[in-house]
Amino acid sequence: MAKVKVSFKPIRKSEGDWAIIAEYPGAEPREITGFTSKAEIDDWMNGERRIAWLRSQGYAK
């Protein structure tokens, strides 16, 4: 089975309200919410929480 490439795009919805759009082939984009700043998103993307999310979706071991 080929690896699925998941792309993450940060978006600013309003002041203090950020989200990440996770896109991958064959599925609807998913919105990951609950972020208050770009720095918080950067921490999520570079930390263990991203891997934990990928595992919860079945895209990482």
N, C-alpha and C. Protein backbone atom coordinates (compact mmCIF):
# COMPACT_ATOMS: atom_id res chain seq x y z
N MET A 1 0.84 -1.18 0.00
CA MET A 1 0.00 0.00 0.00
C MET A 1 0.88 1.24 0.00
N ALA A 2 0.61 2.16 -0.89
CA ALA A 2 1.39 3.39 -1.00
C ALA A 2 1.07 4.32 0.15
N LYS A 3 2.08 5.10 0.54
CA LYS A 3 1.87 6.08 1.59
C LYS A 3 0.97 7.20 1.08
N VAL A 4 0.11 7.68 1.94
CA VAL A 4 -0.78 8.79 1.60
C VAL A 4 -0.13 10.07 2.10
N LYS A 5 -0.03 11.05 1.24
CA LYS A 5 0.56 12.34 1.60
C LYS A 5 -0.53 13.25 2.13
N VAL A 6 -0.45 13.60 3.40
CA VAL A 6 -1.40 14.51 4.02
C VAL A 6 -0.75 15.89 4.05
N SER A 7 -1.47 16.89 3.54
CA SER A 7 -0.94 18.26 3.60
C SER A 7 -1.74 19.06 4.62
N PHE A 8 -1.03 19.90 5.34
CA PHE A 8 -1.63 20.73 6.38
C PHE A 8 -1.49 22.19 6.00
N LYS A 9 -2.60 22.93 6.05
CA LYS A 9 -2.60 24.35 5.71
C LYS A 9 -3.21 25.15 6.86
N PRO A 10 -2.42 26.03 7.48
CA PRO A 10 -2.98 26.87 8.54
C PRO A 10 -3.86 27.97 7.94
N ILE A 11 -4.96 28.26 8.61
CA ILE A 11 -5.82 29.36 8.18
C ILE A 11 -6.22 30.19 9.39
N ARG A 12 -6.30 31.49 9.16
CA ARG A 12 -6.76 32.39 10.21
C ARG A 12 -8.21 32.73 9.93
N LYS A 13 -9.08 32.33 10.84
CA LYS A 13 -10.51 32.57 10.66
C LYS A 13 -10.88 33.97 11.15
N SER A 14 -10.31 34.37 12.27
CA SER A 14 -10.51 35.70 12.84
C SER A 14 -9.40 35.93 13.87
N GLU A 15 -9.39 37.08 14.48
CA GLU A 15 -8.39 37.39 15.50
C GLU A 15 -8.49 36.37 16.63
N GLY A 16 -7.41 35.65 16.87
CA GLY A 16 -7.38 34.66 17.94
C GLY A 16 -8.09 33.36 17.63
N ASP A 17 -8.45 33.13 16.37
CA ASP A 17 -9.14 31.89 15.97
C ASP A 17 -8.48 31.33 14.72
N TRP A 18 -7.66 30.32 14.92
CA TRP A 18 -6.92 29.68 13.84
C TRP A 18 -7.34 28.22 13.73
N ALA A 19 -7.12 27.66 12.55
CA ALA A 19 -7.42 26.24 12.31
C ALA A 19 -6.40 25.70 11.31
N ILE A 20 -6.38 24.40 11.19
CA ILE A 20 -5.55 23.71 10.20
C ILE A 20 -6.48 22.91 9.31
N ILE A 21 -6.29 23.03 8.00
CA ILE A 21 -7.02 22.21 7.04
C ILE A 21 -6.10 21.06 6.64
N ALA A 22 -6.55 19.84 6.90
CA ALA A 22 -5.80 18.64 6.52
C ALA A 22 -6.43 18.09 5.24
N GLU A 23 -5.62 17.99 4.19
CA GLU A 23 -6.10 17.49 2.91
C GLU A 23 -5.32 16.25 2.51
N TYR A 24 -6.06 15.25 2.01
CA TYR A 24 -5.43 14.04 1.51
C TYR A 24 -6.31 13.44 0.43
N PRO A 25 -5.70 12.72 -0.51
CA PRO A 25 -6.43 12.19 -1.66
C PRO A 25 -7.58 11.26 -1.25
N GLY A 26 -8.69 11.40 -1.95
CA GLY A 26 -9.80 10.49 -1.76
C GLY A 26 -10.69 10.77 -0.56
N ALA A 27 -10.49 11.90 0.09
CA ALA A 27 -11.30 12.22 1.27
C ALA A 27 -11.57 13.72 1.32
N GLU A 28 -12.63 14.08 2.01
CA GLU A 28 -12.95 15.49 2.21
C GLU A 28 -11.89 16.11 3.13
N PRO A 29 -11.54 17.37 2.89
CA PRO A 29 -10.61 18.05 3.80
C PRO A 29 -11.20 18.10 5.21
N ARG A 30 -10.34 17.97 6.19
CA ARG A 30 -10.77 18.02 7.59
C ARG A 30 -10.20 19.27 8.24
N GLU A 31 -11.00 19.87 9.08
CA GLU A 31 -10.58 21.08 9.79
C GLU A 31 -10.24 20.70 11.23
N ILE A 32 -9.03 21.08 11.64
CA ILE A 32 -8.58 20.85 13.01
C ILE A 32 -8.63 22.21 13.69
N THR A 33 -9.47 22.35 14.69
CA THR A 33 -9.72 23.65 15.30
C THR A 33 -9.14 23.72 16.72
N GLY A 34 -9.29 24.90 17.31
CA GLY A 34 -8.89 25.09 18.70
C GLY A 34 -7.57 25.81 18.89
N PHE A 35 -7.09 26.46 17.86
CA PHE A 35 -5.82 27.18 17.94
C PHE A 35 -6.09 28.68 18.10
N THR A 36 -5.22 29.34 18.86
CA THR A 36 -5.41 30.78 19.09
C THR A 36 -4.35 31.63 18.40
N SER A 37 -3.31 30.98 17.84
CA SER A 37 -2.26 31.76 17.18
C SER A 37 -1.51 30.89 16.17
N LYS A 38 -0.78 31.55 15.30
CA LYS A 38 0.06 30.85 14.32
C LYS A 38 1.17 30.09 15.04
N ALA A 39 1.68 30.66 16.13
CA ALA A 39 2.73 29.99 16.89
C ALA A 39 2.22 28.67 17.47
N GLU A 40 0.98 28.64 17.92
CA GLU A 40 0.39 27.42 18.45
C GLU A 40 0.26 26.36 17.35
N ILE A 41 -0.10 26.80 16.15
CA ILE A 41 -0.18 25.87 15.01
C ILE A 41 1.21 25.35 14.67
N ASP A 42 2.21 26.21 14.68
CA ASP A 42 3.58 25.78 14.41
C ASP A 42 4.03 24.72 15.41
N ASP A 43 3.70 24.93 16.69
CA ASP A 43 4.04 23.94 17.72
C ASP A 43 3.35 22.61 17.43
N TRP A 44 2.08 22.66 17.03
CA TRP A 44 1.31 21.44 16.72
C TRP A 44 1.94 20.71 15.54
N MET A 45 2.28 21.47 14.49
CA MET A 45 2.82 20.86 13.27
C MET A 45 4.20 20.25 13.50
N ASN A 46 4.99 20.84 14.38
CA ASN A 46 6.36 20.37 14.60
C ASN A 46 6.49 19.44 15.80
N GLY A 47 5.37 19.16 16.46
CA GLY A 47 5.43 18.35 17.66
C GLY A 47 4.74 17.01 17.52
N GLU A 48 4.58 16.37 18.64
CA GLU A 48 4.01 15.03 18.71
C GLU A 48 2.51 15.02 18.42
N ARG A 49 1.83 16.15 18.60
CA ARG A 49 0.38 16.19 18.38
C ARG A 49 0.01 15.91 16.92
N ARG A 50 0.83 16.34 15.98
CA ARG A 50 0.57 16.05 14.56
C ARG A 50 0.64 14.55 14.30
N ILE A 51 1.66 13.91 14.82
CA ILE A 51 1.81 12.46 14.65
C ILE A 51 0.64 11.74 15.32
N ALA A 52 0.25 12.19 16.50
CA ALA A 52 -0.89 11.57 17.20
C ALA A 52 -2.16 11.71 16.37
N TRP A 53 -2.36 12.87 15.73
CA TRP A 53 -3.54 13.07 14.89
C TRP A 53 -3.49 12.13 13.69
N LEU A 54 -2.34 12.03 13.05
CA LEU A 54 -2.19 11.14 11.90
C LEU A 54 -2.47 9.70 12.30
N ARG A 55 -2.00 9.28 13.46
CA ARG A 55 -2.27 7.93 13.95
C ARG A 55 -3.76 7.73 14.17
N SER A 56 -4.43 8.73 14.74
CA SER A 56 -5.86 8.61 15.02
C SER A 56 -6.68 8.48 13.74
N GLN A 57 -6.13 8.99 12.64
CA GLN A 57 -6.82 8.92 11.34
C GLN A 57 -6.39 7.71 10.53
N GLY A 58 -5.42 6.95 11.04
CA GLY A 58 -4.95 5.74 10.35
C GLY A 58 -3.87 6.00 9.32
N TYR A 59 -3.19 7.16 9.40
CA TYR A 59 -2.17 7.49 8.41
C TYR A 59 -0.76 7.40 8.93
N ALA A 60 -0.58 6.96 10.17
CA ALA A 60 0.76 6.76 10.72
C ALA A 60 0.71 5.60 11.70
N LYS A 61 1.86 4.98 11.91
CA LYS A 61 1.93 3.85 12.86
C LYS A 61 2.47 4.33 14.18
